[in-house]
Amino acid sequence: MESASLIEAPAAAGDSGGGDWKNRRWKTVVPTLNRGSNDSPVSLLKVLHLEACHSFGEKYQHHLEDICSKMLLLKYLSLRGTNITHLPSEINNLHELEILDIRQTKVPEWATVNLLLLKLKRLLAGHIFPSPKQDSHLKNLLRTISDIHEYIHSRSITLCTTEHQGIPSSEESRKAVGSSLRHHPKLLESLSISRTTQRVDLLQLFSRGSDNSKLVKVTLSSTSLNQENLKILAKLPMLQCVRFRYIACAESVLTFKKDEFTNLKYLLVEGSNLEGIILENDGVARELKKMALSSTNIAYIYGVDGLLKLEELELNNNGCGRLLSSFDNAQKIAKLTLRGTFLEPVDLHILSKKPNIQYLKLLDGSCDVSCSQIALKKDEFPKLNLIIVDCFAITKIVFTRGYVPKLEKIVWSSFTSLSGIDKLPRLKDLEFKGHLVPDELKEATEKNKNKLSFKHIEPEIQDQAREQEDDDNDARFSSCWKIKI
């Protein structure tokens, strides 16, 4: 039989036990397994989260040994903030373990040397250190990565920079720090670096031996970027996704040169002082499928004509409204998302002539008030399959019989009224976001020959969905290491 003990710290003085839950200091539930039992339901657990549990003291070290001996199906084990001081040898029994979190513990960095977890993808470790011993903290990080270099698939590093920007580290100092990475991660596929330090060039360090690199995705956040960094990325033979978030570029223009980024499929730029991007010749980024530019100052992109596989484009609140004109000759675009582009009627007309657009999403600020009423004409958006409209400026969309013949789904909000939906031959799905469904919509739905599927989403539900989406996006880019540098 297994037992579970709820460990609770004493209530704060003056707390009678029933009132202020926020001031009560709770721990967590610790499953304590009978050493002789292997058939307990607890042994089937795949996720175990023990953050801040202090039930692993000197007298209770066997708790962790029991967990590692009995819960053999665990894929995720969090010991963050617990009072463990070492990793028992039994931890190597967890053959299915993919994520191990030992952040904010007293487990020394050398303890990872004996890890033999073949399926381990992420080891989360380290502290936010208040002391100024920058080099030693970086060295400890790199040594730990070296210890498990055969198992790491993903690595995310956040540097909390406090060093004086005017005093660069010497070349000798940078080499000394970099030498701590004795073994390059063999299976590293995803690398995220947030912020920068003059102590070592982490991008260059992890790209060492780039000819054999398996890096598929690189994210650089809140850091500097120059043409030399771009050359490092260009040499990664398997790189498919590059994401720049709030980067400060040394040059106002980034140049992608011929025969570089041969396997790149996704280029995402969010928050940047860049003014332009140049794609030299047809051989650069020839596999690029998606480009997303958000909150940038980019005014132009030269060489888009050579992106023969570019299918998806997102423009979100970029400083220059004319950026869209850089894509006038990008004929393969099938999915287009716009926000803050303030299109005028002539811009919308140019878009409508793109022969392959199947998905069109017009969000806040996508259109100027001069586009308040959109009447789709003959031969416009010939392949459009789905349109999503959530823009204050667009008050009415008119559909005429025989136009947009392949349109199957419309998603829109109460800001916009629709006319002529009964004239759309392939229309199947309607999704309306607002409080009250307009009477004319009900009438038009009844007139349509197809059996339409209608979904009504009220604003409260819509807001909850957006919050959940934001949370998911934040979690996706959460850091694995935080070190005060």
Protein backbone atom coordinates (compact mmCIF):
# COMPACT_ATOMS: atom_id res chain seq x y z
CA MET A 1 0.00 0.00 0.00
CA GLU A 2 1.15 3.50 -0.72
CA SER A 3 0.60 6.45 1.56
CA ALA A 4 0.56 10.16 0.85
CA SER A 5 1.53 12.77 3.38
CA LEU A 6 0.57 16.42 3.12
CA ILE A 7 3.43 18.51 4.47
CA GLU A 8 2.25 21.86 5.79
CA ALA A 9 4.36 24.61 7.31
CA PRO A 10 3.01 26.22 10.49
CA ALA A 11 0.49 28.97 9.96
CA ALA A 12 1.67 32.52 10.31
CA ALA A 13 1.19 34.19 13.66
CA GLY A 14 -2.34 35.40 14.07
CA ASP A 15 -3.70 33.08 11.41
CA SER A 16 -6.54 31.07 12.85
CA GLY A 17 -6.33 28.59 10.05
CA GLY A 18 -9.37 29.42 8.01
CA GLY A 19 -8.86 32.85 6.54
CA ASP A 20 -5.96 34.25 4.57
CA TRP A 21 -4.89 31.43 2.29
CA LYS A 22 -2.33 33.60 0.50
CA ASN A 23 -0.34 33.96 3.72
CA ARG A 24 -0.37 30.26 4.49
CA ARG A 25 2.76 28.41 3.42
CA TRP A 26 1.79 25.09 1.94
CA LYS A 27 4.12 22.45 0.67
CA THR A 28 3.08 19.62 -1.60
CA VAL A 29 1.93 16.04 -1.49
CA VAL A 30 4.77 13.52 -1.39
CA PRO A 31 3.94 9.95 -2.39
CA THR A 32 5.79 7.58 -0.08
CA LEU A 33 5.98 4.14 -1.63
CA ASN A 34 6.31 0.87 0.19
CA ARG A 35 9.70 -0.48 -0.84
CA GLY A 36 8.25 -3.89 -1.56
CA SER A 37 5.40 -2.80 -3.83
CA ASN A 38 5.70 -2.46 -7.60
CA ASP A 39 2.02 -2.72 -8.52
CA SER A 40 0.85 0.52 -6.90
CA PRO A 41 -1.22 2.84 -9.13
CA VAL A 42 1.31 5.55 -8.26
CA SER A 43 3.93 3.57 -10.16
CA LEU A 44 2.05 4.41 -13.36
CA LEU A 45 2.61 8.15 -12.97
CA LYS A 46 4.34 9.92 -15.85
CA VAL A 47 4.46 13.44 -14.40
CA LEU A 48 5.57 14.28 -10.84
CA HIS A 49 5.80 17.90 -9.70
CA LEU A 50 7.37 18.34 -6.24
CA GLU A 51 8.38 21.99 -6.37
CA ALA A 52 9.22 23.53 -2.94
CA CYS A 53 8.67 20.25 -1.12
CA HIS A 54 11.10 19.95 1.81
CA SER A 55 10.60 16.27 2.55
CA PHE A 56 14.01 15.15 1.32
CA GLY A 57 16.13 16.04 4.35
CA GLU A 58 18.82 13.87 5.86
CA LYS A 59 16.33 11.50 7.49
CA TYR A 60 14.15 11.25 4.40
CA GLN A 61 16.60 10.87 1.54
CA HIS A 62 15.04 7.49 0.79
CA HIS A 63 11.94 9.30 -0.52
CA LEU A 64 13.73 10.26 -3.72
CA GLU A 65 15.34 6.83 -3.96
CA ASP A 66 11.88 5.25 -3.66
CA ILE A 67 10.50 7.52 -6.37
CA CYS A 68 13.33 6.59 -8.72
CA SER A 69 12.93 2.88 -7.97
CA LYS A 70 9.15 2.64 -8.22
CA MET A 71 7.91 5.31 -10.64
CA LEU A 72 9.73 3.91 -13.63
CA LEU A 73 7.40 5.47 -16.22
CA LEU A 74 8.13 9.07 -15.25
CA LYS A 75 8.71 11.42 -18.17
CA TYR A 76 8.78 14.65 -16.13
CA LEU A 77 10.23 15.08 -12.64
CA SER A 78 10.41 18.48 -10.97
CA LEU A 79 12.49 18.81 -7.80
CA ARG A 80 12.79 22.57 -8.11
CA GLY A 81 13.23 24.40 -4.83
CA THR A 82 13.34 21.21 -2.78
CA ASN A 83 15.95 20.43 -0.13
CA ILE A 84 17.67 17.66 -2.07
CA THR A 85 21.46 17.86 -1.98
CA HIS A 86 22.41 15.08 -4.39
CA LEU A 87 21.00 12.82 -7.09
CA PRO A 88 20.87 9.16 -6.03
CA SER A 89 22.22 6.50 -8.36
CA GLU A 90 18.65 5.15 -8.60
CA ILE A 91 17.73 8.10 -10.80
CA ASN A 92 19.24 6.21 -13.73
CA ASN A 93 16.34 3.75 -13.36
CA LEU A 94 14.07 6.36 -14.95
CA HIS A 95 14.65 5.21 -18.51
CA GLU A 96 11.65 7.17 -19.83
CA LEU A 97 12.60 10.49 -18.21
CA GLU A 98 12.67 13.40 -20.67
CA ILE A 99 12.67 16.46 -18.37
CA LEU A 100 14.45 16.80 -15.02
CA ASP A 101 14.15 20.07 -13.10
CA ILE A 102 16.65 20.63 -10.26
CA ARG A 103 16.66 24.43 -10.26
CA GLN A 104 17.08 26.25 -6.94
CA THR A 105 18.46 23.16 -5.19
CA LYS A 106 21.81 22.43 -3.57
CA VAL A 107 22.70 19.70 -6.04
CA PRO A 108 26.29 20.49 -7.13
CA GLU A 109 27.06 20.89 -10.82
CA TRP A 110 29.35 17.85 -10.88
CA ALA A 111 26.47 15.60 -9.80
CA THR A 112 25.21 15.47 -13.39
CA VAL A 113 28.35 13.63 -14.52
CA ASN A 114 26.84 10.27 -13.54
CA LEU A 115 23.51 10.77 -15.29
CA LEU A 116 22.76 7.97 -17.76
CA LEU A 117 19.32 8.96 -18.98
CA LEU A 118 19.17 8.19 -22.68
CA LYS A 119 15.82 9.88 -23.30
CA LEU A 120 16.60 13.06 -21.35
CA LYS A 121 15.84 16.10 -23.50
CA ARG A 122 15.93 18.88 -20.93
CA LEU A 123 17.88 19.32 -17.74
CA LEU A 124 16.72 22.44 -15.93
CA ALA A 125 19.26 23.58 -13.37
CA GLY A 126 20.94 26.58 -11.80
CA HIS A 127 19.96 29.66 -9.82
CA ILE A 128 19.49 33.36 -10.22
CA PHE A 129 22.68 34.25 -8.44
CA PRO A 130 22.94 37.55 -6.55
CA SER A 131 26.75 37.50 -6.47
CA PRO A 132 28.93 39.12 -9.14
CA LYS A 133 31.06 36.05 -9.87
CA GLN A 134 30.19 36.06 -13.54
CA ASP A 135 32.87 33.77 -14.95
CA SER A 136 32.38 30.99 -12.40
CA HIS A 137 28.63 30.88 -12.99
CA LEU A 138 29.03 30.65 -16.73
CA LYS A 139 31.70 27.98 -16.38
CA ASN A 140 29.44 25.91 -14.13
CA LEU A 141 26.67 26.15 -16.70
CA LEU A 142 28.92 25.07 -19.55
CA ARG A 143 30.45 22.22 -17.53
CA THR A 144 26.99 20.88 -16.71
CA ILE A 145 26.01 21.00 -20.37
CA SER A 146 29.23 19.14 -21.20
CA ASP A 147 28.40 16.44 -18.66
CA ILE A 148 25.16 15.57 -20.44
CA HIS A 149 26.22 16.50 -23.97
CA GLU A 150 25.12 13.14 -25.36
CA TYR A 151 21.49 13.57 -24.29
CA ILE A 152 20.54 17.25 -24.76
CA HIS A 153 18.04 17.98 -27.53
CA SER A 154 16.95 21.45 -26.44
CA ARG A 155 18.71 24.23 -24.55
CA SER A 156 17.36 27.60 -23.41
CA ILE A 157 19.66 30.09 -21.67
CA THR A 158 18.66 33.41 -20.11
CA LEU A 159 21.45 35.74 -19.01
CA CYS A 160 20.50 38.37 -16.44
CA THR A 161 23.15 40.89 -17.45
CA THR A 162 24.57 43.30 -14.88
CA GLU A 163 28.12 43.69 -16.18
CA HIS A 164 29.46 47.12 -17.10
CA GLN A 165 28.93 47.56 -20.81
CA GLY A 166 31.92 49.83 -21.24
CA ILE A 167 34.51 47.29 -20.09
CA PRO A 168 34.71 44.38 -22.53
CA SER A 169 36.20 41.09 -21.41
CA SER A 170 39.62 40.19 -22.74
CA GLU A 171 40.05 37.56 -25.44
CA GLU A 172 41.91 35.41 -22.93
CA SER A 173 39.02 35.62 -20.47
CA ARG A 174 36.46 34.70 -23.14
CA LYS A 175 38.52 31.68 -24.19
CA ALA A 176 38.82 30.55 -20.57
CA VAL A 177 35.05 30.64 -20.13
CA GLY A 178 34.40 28.98 -23.49
CA SER A 179 36.82 26.16 -22.75
CA SER A 180 34.42 24.94 -20.04
CA LEU A 181 32.26 23.50 -22.81
CA ARG A 182 34.55 20.53 -23.29
CA HIS A 183 32.03 18.47 -25.23
CA HIS A 184 29.68 19.98 -27.77
CA PRO A 185 26.07 18.70 -27.46
CA LYS A 186 25.78 16.07 -30.17
CA LEU A 187 22.00 16.01 -30.48
CA LEU A 188 21.18 19.67 -29.84
CA GLU A 189 18.27 20.64 -32.11
CA SER A 190 16.85 23.76 -30.46
CA LEU A 191 18.84 26.64 -28.95
CA SER A 192 17.40 29.76 -27.33
CA ILE A 193 19.64 32.55 -26.01
CA SER A 194 18.12 35.51 -24.20
CA ARG A 195 20.23 38.60 -23.50
CA THR A 196 23.95 38.84 -23.99
CA THR A 197 27.23 38.88 -22.13
CA GLN A 198 30.72 40.02 -23.07
CA ARG A 199 32.12 37.04 -21.18
CA VAL A 200 31.53 34.62 -24.04
CA ASP A 201 29.80 34.44 -27.42
CA LEU A 202 27.29 31.68 -26.71
CA LEU A 203 25.94 31.53 -30.26
CA GLN A 204 29.41 30.99 -31.68
CA LEU A 205 30.26 28.55 -28.91
CA PHE A 206 27.23 26.31 -29.48
CA SER A 207 27.65 26.51 -33.26
CA ARG A 208 31.21 25.22 -33.07
CA GLY A 209 31.73 22.40 -35.51
CA SER A 210 28.76 23.70 -37.50
CA ASP A 211 29.31 21.26 -40.37
CA ASN A 212 28.05 18.47 -38.12
CA SER A 213 25.53 20.57 -36.22
CA LYS A 214 21.99 19.24 -35.84
CA LEU A 215 20.54 22.61 -34.82
CA VAL A 216 17.11 23.03 -36.38
CA LYS A 217 15.79 26.03 -34.45
CA VAL A 218 17.60 29.08 -33.04
CA THR A 219 15.95 31.88 -31.05
CA LEU A 220 17.85 35.03 -30.09
CA SER A 221 16.07 37.38 -27.68
CA SER A 222 16.95 40.79 -26.23
CA THR A 223 20.45 40.58 -27.60
CA SER A 224 22.64 42.24 -30.21
CA LEU A 225 22.94 40.98 -33.76
CA ASN A 226 25.37 41.77 -36.55
CA GLN A 227 26.36 40.42 -39.94
CA GLU A 228 28.95 38.12 -38.35
CA ASN A 229 26.25 36.47 -36.21
CA LEU A 230 24.24 35.95 -39.37
CA LYS A 231 27.21 34.19 -40.98
CA ILE A 232 27.38 31.80 -38.02
CA LEU A 233 23.72 30.93 -38.45
CA ALA A 234 24.10 30.60 -42.22
CA LYS A 235 26.65 27.82 -41.79
CA LEU A 236 24.27 25.57 -39.83
CA PRO A 237 23.34 22.91 -42.40
CA MET A 238 20.06 21.75 -40.81
CA LEU A 239 18.73 25.09 -39.59
CA GLN A 240 15.04 25.46 -40.43
CA CYS A 241 13.73 28.12 -38.04
CA VAL A 242 15.26 31.43 -36.92
CA ARG A 243 13.50 33.73 -34.50
CA PHE A 244 14.82 37.18 -33.56
CA ARG A 245 12.99 38.78 -30.61
CA TYR A 246 13.73 42.37 -29.55
CA ILE A 247 17.20 42.36 -31.01
CA ALA A 248 19.46 45.39 -31.42
CA CYS A 249 21.14 45.23 -34.82
CA ALA A 250 24.56 46.77 -35.32
CA GLU A 251 23.69 47.43 -38.96
CA SER A 252 20.38 48.89 -40.11
CA VAL A 253 20.15 46.30 -42.88
CA LEU A 254 20.73 42.55 -42.70
CA THR A 255 21.94 40.83 -45.87
CA PHE A 256 21.25 37.17 -46.59
CA LYS A 257 23.79 36.11 -49.20
CA LYS A 258 23.64 33.63 -52.05
CA ASP A 259 23.55 29.93 -51.13
CA GLU A 260 23.10 30.71 -47.42
CA PHE A 261 20.34 29.32 -45.20
CA THR A 262 19.67 26.60 -47.75
CA ASN A 263 17.20 24.73 -45.48
CA LEU A 264 15.61 27.69 -43.69
CA LYS A 265 11.81 27.41 -43.65
CA TYR A 266 10.71 29.94 -41.01
CA LEU A 267 12.00 33.47 -40.38
CA LEU A 268 10.36 35.31 -37.47
CA VAL A 269 11.37 38.84 -36.45
CA GLU A 270 9.70 40.49 -33.46
CA GLY A 271 10.72 43.91 -32.16
CA SER A 272 13.84 45.15 -33.91
CA ASN A 273 15.57 48.35 -35.01
CA LEU A 274 16.16 46.86 -38.46
CA GLU A 275 15.23 49.08 -41.38
CA GLY A 276 15.57 46.55 -44.16
CA ILE A 277 16.42 43.01 -45.24
CA ILE A 278 18.24 42.14 -48.46
CA LEU A 279 18.02 38.68 -49.98
CA GLU A 280 20.84 38.37 -52.51
CA ASN A 281 20.11 36.33 -55.64
CA ASP A 282 17.74 33.42 -56.07
CA GLY A 283 19.85 30.91 -54.15
CA VAL A 284 19.29 32.35 -50.68
CA ALA A 285 16.72 30.78 -48.33
CA ARG A 286 15.17 28.95 -51.23
CA GLU A 287 13.14 26.68 -48.90
CA LEU A 288 11.60 29.56 -46.91
CA LYS A 289 7.88 28.91 -46.33
CA LYS A 290 6.90 31.45 -43.68
CA MET A 291 7.94 34.98 -42.77
CA ALA A 292 6.51 36.81 -39.76
CA LEU A 293 7.44 40.41 -38.95
CA SER A 294 6.05 41.96 -35.78
CA SER A 295 6.63 45.41 -34.21
CA THR A 296 9.66 46.22 -36.35
CA ASN A 297 10.86 49.29 -38.24
CA ILE A 298 11.52 47.30 -41.40
CA ALA A 299 10.51 49.41 -44.40
CA TYR A 300 11.55 47.10 -47.23
CA ILE A 301 12.67 43.59 -48.10
CA TYR A 302 14.57 43.21 -51.37
CA GLY A 303 14.71 39.90 -53.21
CA VAL A 304 11.36 38.41 -52.21
CA ASP A 305 10.86 37.39 -55.85
CA GLY A 306 13.41 34.62 -55.32
CA LEU A 307 11.45 33.02 -52.46
CA LEU A 308 9.63 30.56 -54.66
CA LYS A 309 8.25 28.52 -51.74
CA LEU A 310 7.05 31.40 -49.55
CA GLU A 311 3.48 30.40 -48.64
CA GLU A 312 2.73 32.25 -45.40
CA LEU A 313 3.19 35.89 -44.43
CA GLU A 314 2.37 37.67 -41.16
CA LEU A 315 2.74 41.43 -40.78
CA ASN A 316 1.93 42.71 -37.30
CA ASN A 317 2.19 46.38 -36.26
CA ASN A 318 5.29 47.18 -38.26
CA GLY A 319 6.40 50.81 -38.30
CA CYS A 320 6.21 51.20 -42.08
CA GLY A 321 2.81 50.71 -43.65
CA ARG A 322 4.30 50.25 -47.12
CA LEU A 323 6.20 47.09 -46.18
CA LEU A 324 3.49 44.97 -47.80
CA SER A 325 4.49 46.32 -51.22
CA SER A 326 7.76 44.36 -50.93
CA PHE A 327 5.66 41.23 -51.46
CA ASP A 328 3.82 42.39 -54.59
CA ASN A 329 5.54 39.72 -56.69
CA ALA A 330 5.33 36.91 -54.13
CA GLN A 331 2.77 34.89 -56.05
CA LYS A 332 2.88 31.68 -53.99
CA ILE A 333 1.56 33.21 -50.76
CA ALA A 334 -1.46 31.18 -49.63
CA LYS A 335 -1.86 32.33 -46.02
CA LEU A 336 -1.83 36.02 -45.09
CA THR A 337 -2.28 37.60 -41.64
CA LEU A 338 -2.32 41.39 -41.28
CA ARG A 339 -2.48 43.66 -38.23
CA GLY A 340 -1.60 47.35 -38.06
CA THR A 341 -0.92 47.59 -41.81
CA PHE A 342 -3.71 50.17 -42.47
CA LEU A 343 -4.41 49.04 -46.01
CA GLU A 344 -6.09 51.43 -48.39
CA PRO A 345 -8.46 50.30 -51.17
CA VAL A 346 -5.65 50.17 -53.74
CA ASP A 347 -3.59 47.91 -51.45
CA LEU A 348 -6.52 45.58 -50.92
CA HIS A 349 -7.08 45.42 -54.68
CA ILE A 350 -3.44 44.39 -55.26
CA LEU A 351 -3.80 41.68 -52.62
CA SER A 352 -6.98 40.38 -54.17
CA LYS A 353 -5.13 39.64 -57.42
CA LYS A 354 -2.71 37.23 -55.78
CA PRO A 355 -3.79 33.94 -57.34
CA ASN A 356 -3.03 31.56 -54.46
CA ILE A 357 -4.35 33.24 -51.30
CA GLN A 358 -6.55 30.71 -49.50
CA TYR A 359 -6.44 32.09 -45.94
CA LEU A 360 -6.90 35.80 -45.17
CA LYS A 361 -6.87 37.16 -41.61
CA LEU A 362 -7.60 40.88 -41.15
CA LEU A 363 -7.05 41.96 -37.54
CA ASP A 364 -7.04 45.31 -35.69
CA GLY A 365 -5.66 48.10 -37.85
CA SER A 366 -5.23 45.88 -40.88
CA CYS A 367 -7.34 48.28 -42.96
CA ASP A 368 -7.70 52.03 -43.06
CA VAL A 369 -11.12 53.62 -42.53
CA SER A 370 -11.26 54.13 -46.29
CA CYS A 371 -11.82 50.36 -46.48
CA SER A 372 -14.85 50.49 -44.20
CA GLN A 373 -17.02 48.83 -46.86
CA ILE A 374 -15.46 46.07 -48.93
CA ALA A 375 -17.30 44.85 -52.01
CA LEU A 376 -15.46 41.88 -53.46
CA LYS A 377 -15.39 41.97 -57.24
CA LYS A 378 -15.06 39.46 -60.03
CA ASP A 379 -11.71 37.63 -60.24
CA GLU A 380 -10.66 38.83 -56.77
CA PHE A 381 -9.35 36.20 -54.33
CA PRO A 382 -10.16 33.33 -56.73
CA LYS A 383 -8.89 30.62 -54.34
CA LEU A 384 -9.93 32.15 -51.01
CA ASN A 385 -11.16 29.38 -48.72
CA LEU A 386 -11.23 31.08 -45.29
CA ILE A 387 -11.53 34.72 -44.26
CA ILE A 388 -11.23 36.00 -40.68
CA VAL A 389 -12.21 39.62 -39.98
CA ASP A 390 -11.72 41.24 -36.56
CA CYS A 391 -11.06 44.88 -37.45
CA PHE A 392 -12.94 47.96 -36.20
CA ALA A 393 -12.44 49.82 -39.48
CA ILE A 394 -14.23 47.20 -41.60
CA THR A 395 -17.94 47.76 -41.07
CA LYS A 396 -19.36 45.82 -44.01
CA ILE A 397 -18.37 43.13 -46.52
CA VAL A 398 -20.52 42.53 -49.60
CA PHE A 399 -20.45 39.23 -51.49
CA THR A 400 -21.84 39.00 -55.03
CA ARG A 401 -23.05 35.85 -56.76
CA GLY A 402 -20.29 34.05 -58.61
CA TYR A 403 -17.46 35.85 -56.81
CA VAL A 404 -14.99 34.24 -54.34
CA PRO A 405 -16.35 30.89 -55.56
CA LYS A 406 -14.23 28.70 -53.25
CA LEU A 407 -14.98 30.45 -49.96
CA GLU A 408 -16.03 27.83 -47.38
CA LYS A 409 -15.69 29.54 -44.01
CA ILE A 410 -16.16 33.05 -42.60
CA VAL A 411 -15.13 34.14 -39.10
CA TRP A 412 -16.08 37.69 -38.12
CA SER A 413 -16.97 39.93 -35.20
CA SER A 414 -19.85 42.25 -34.41
CA PHE A 415 -17.93 45.26 -35.80
CA THR A 416 -18.66 43.96 -39.31
CA SER A 417 -21.87 43.12 -41.11
CA LEU A 418 -22.06 40.65 -43.99
CA SER A 419 -24.21 40.91 -47.08
CA GLY A 420 -24.76 38.25 -49.73
CA ILE A 421 -23.60 35.14 -47.87
CA ASP A 422 -26.55 33.32 -49.43
CA LYS A 423 -24.78 33.78 -52.79
CA LEU A 424 -21.64 31.84 -51.84
CA PRO A 425 -21.94 28.39 -53.46
CA ARG A 426 -19.39 26.53 -51.29
CA LEU A 427 -19.96 28.21 -47.94
CA LYS A 428 -20.10 25.64 -45.13
CA ASP A 429 -19.08 27.27 -41.85
CA LEU A 430 -19.90 30.56 -40.13
CA GLU A 431 -18.35 31.69 -36.86
CA PHE A 432 -19.67 34.89 -35.28
CA LYS A 433 -18.02 36.66 -32.33
CA GLY A 434 -20.35 39.00 -30.48
CA HIS A 435 -23.27 39.24 -28.06
CA LEU A 436 -26.34 39.21 -30.32
CA VAL A 437 -26.70 37.40 -33.62
CA PRO A 438 -28.13 39.84 -36.22
CA ASP A 439 -31.59 38.94 -37.59
CA GLU A 440 -30.43 39.46 -41.18
CA LEU A 441 -27.76 36.82 -40.59
CA LYS A 442 -30.40 34.29 -39.62
CA GLU A 443 -32.38 35.08 -42.76
CA ALA A 444 -29.34 34.83 -45.03
CA THR A 445 -28.37 31.53 -43.44
CA GLU A 446 -31.79 30.11 -44.22
CA LYS A 447 -31.55 31.26 -47.86
CA ASN A 448 -28.21 29.56 -48.44
CA LYS A 449 -28.66 26.25 -50.24
CA ASN A 450 -25.97 24.53 -48.18
CA LYS A 451 -26.54 23.22 -44.69
CA LEU A 452 -24.41 25.76 -42.89
CA SER A 453 -22.64 25.06 -39.62
CA PHE A 454 -23.03 28.11 -37.39
CA LYS A 455 -20.97 28.82 -34.26
CA HIS A 456 -21.63 31.72 -31.90
CA ILE A 457 -18.80 32.81 -29.59
CA GLU A 458 -19.63 35.36 -26.90
CA PRO A 459 -16.93 37.90 -25.92
CA GLU A 460 -16.21 36.39 -22.49
CA ILE A 461 -15.34 33.02 -24.01
CA GLN A 462 -13.32 34.73 -26.71
CA ASP A 463 -11.25 36.67 -24.14
CA GLN A 464 -10.54 33.48 -22.19
CA ALA A 465 -9.34 31.78 -25.36
CA ARG A 466 -6.99 34.69 -26.09
CA GLU A 467 -5.59 34.62 -22.55
CA GLN A 468 -4.96 30.89 -22.84
CA GLU A 469 -3.21 31.44 -26.18
CA ASP A 470 -0.99 34.13 -24.61
CA ASP A 471 -0.11 31.81 -21.71
CA ASP A 472 0.79 29.04 -24.14
CA ASN A 473 3.04 31.38 -26.12
CA ASP A 474 4.80 32.56 -22.94
CA ALA A 475 5.34 29.00 -21.75
CA ARG A 476 6.77 28.00 -25.09
CA PHE A 477 9.63 30.45 -24.68
CA SER A 478 10.22 30.09 -20.94
CA SER A 479 13.85 29.83 -19.93
CA CYS A 480 15.56 26.71 -18.69
CA TRP A 481 18.58 28.42 -17.17
CA LYS A 482 18.71 31.76 -15.39
CA ILE A 483 22.08 33.03 -14.35
CA LYS A 484 22.98 36.42 -12.94
CA ILE A 485 25.85 37.69 -15.07
